[in-house]
Structure formats: structure tokens, C-alpha cells
Protein backbone atom coordinates (compact mmCIF):
# COMPACT_ATOMS: atom_id res chain seq x y z
CA MET A 1 -5.18 5.47 0.68
CA VAL A 2 -7.03 2.94 -1.44
CA LEU A 3 -4.98 0.59 -3.58
CA GLN A 4 -6.37 0.44 -7.05
CA PRO A 5 -6.57 -2.78 -9.02
CA PRO A 6 -4.53 -2.85 -12.26
CA ARG A 7 -7.59 -2.45 -14.50
CA THR A 8 -8.45 0.82 -12.77
CA LYS A 9 -4.96 2.17 -13.37
CA ARG A 10 -5.19 1.09 -16.98
CA ARG A 11 -8.56 2.81 -17.42
CA LEU A 12 -7.26 6.01 -15.86
CA ARG A 13 -4.11 6.04 -18.00
CA ARG A 14 -5.91 5.30 -21.27
CA GLY A 15 -9.08 7.27 -20.62
CA ALA A 16 -9.88 10.64 -22.12
CA PHE A 17 -11.28 12.99 -19.51
CA LEU A 18 -12.59 16.49 -20.02
CA GLY A 19 -12.01 17.58 -16.44
CA PHE A 20 -11.32 16.59 -12.87
CA GLY A 21 -14.97 15.72 -12.31
CA ASP A 22 -14.80 13.11 -15.06
CA VAL A 23 -11.68 11.55 -13.55
CA GLN A 24 -13.27 11.51 -10.12
CA ALA A 25 -16.43 9.88 -11.51
CA ALA A 26 -14.34 7.20 -13.26
CA ILE A 27 -12.48 6.43 -10.02
CA ASN A 28 -15.74 6.23 -8.06
CA ARG A 29 -17.27 3.99 -10.72
CA ASP A 30 -14.28 1.62 -10.60
CA LEU A 31 -14.32 1.53 -6.80
CA ALA A 32 -18.04 0.72 -6.81
CA GLU A 33 -17.41 -2.14 -9.26
CA HIS A 34 -14.51 -3.45 -7.18
CA ASN A 35 -16.54 -3.29 -3.97
CA LEU A 36 -19.23 -5.56 -5.44
CA GLU A 37 -16.86 -8.51 -4.94
CA PRO A 38 -14.32 -7.43 -2.31
CA ARG A 39 -11.43 -9.72 -1.37
CA PRO A 40 -9.42 -9.60 1.83
CA PHE A 41 -5.86 -8.34 1.62
CA PRO A 42 -3.45 -11.29 2.09
CA TRP A 43 -0.68 -10.32 4.49
CA LYS A 44 2.62 -11.88 3.52
CA ALA A 45 4.89 -10.30 6.12
CA ASP A 46 5.47 -11.92 9.48
CA PRO A 47 3.72 -9.79 12.13
CA TYR A 48 6.60 -10.31 14.56
CA ALA A 49 9.03 -8.91 11.98
CA ILE A 50 6.83 -5.82 11.58
CA ILE A 51 6.67 -5.29 15.34
CA ALA A 52 10.46 -5.74 15.63
CA ALA A 53 11.05 -3.20 12.85
CA ALA A 54 8.76 -0.70 14.56
CA ALA A 55 10.62 -1.21 17.85
CA ARG A 56 13.97 -0.60 16.10
CA ALA A 57 12.57 2.57 14.53
CA HIS A 58 11.42 3.83 17.93
CA GLN A 59 14.85 3.13 19.41
CA ALA A 60 16.55 5.00 16.57
CA LEU A 61 14.24 7.98 17.04
CA ASP A 62 14.81 7.97 20.80
CA ARG A 63 18.57 8.15 20.21
CA ILE A 64 18.15 11.19 17.96
CA HIS A 65 15.97 13.15 20.38
């Protein structure tokens, strides 16, 4: 799944499209514009907290099965 920048969402909400092909073309156009100047995604969560949460989830699932 690709996260869309706010301007893309705004364009899709306010745009007038005649069909699915027009919507798809607008999305592809916005993605192409965004990819001209890509930025890395800044992770804010602690990786150790993510790993610990995944381990807890595995333990919970093991108890169920």
C-alpha cells in the first residue's frame, strides 16, 4: 500500500472524474510527481518496542492454538 501525500487526497476528493480510468490516471500522475523528489520515511517508533510487541503477539497466538 502506498501512502498518499495530503495534496493527492485533496485532488482525489475535489476532482471530477468521468470514470475509473480517469481516477487511476490522476493517481498515477500524482505518484509520478511525488517520485520526482522522494523523501525517506522517518521511523519514530523504537525498533525494540516493535520487536517486543511482535513477540507478545506470537505468544498470544501460541496460547490460542
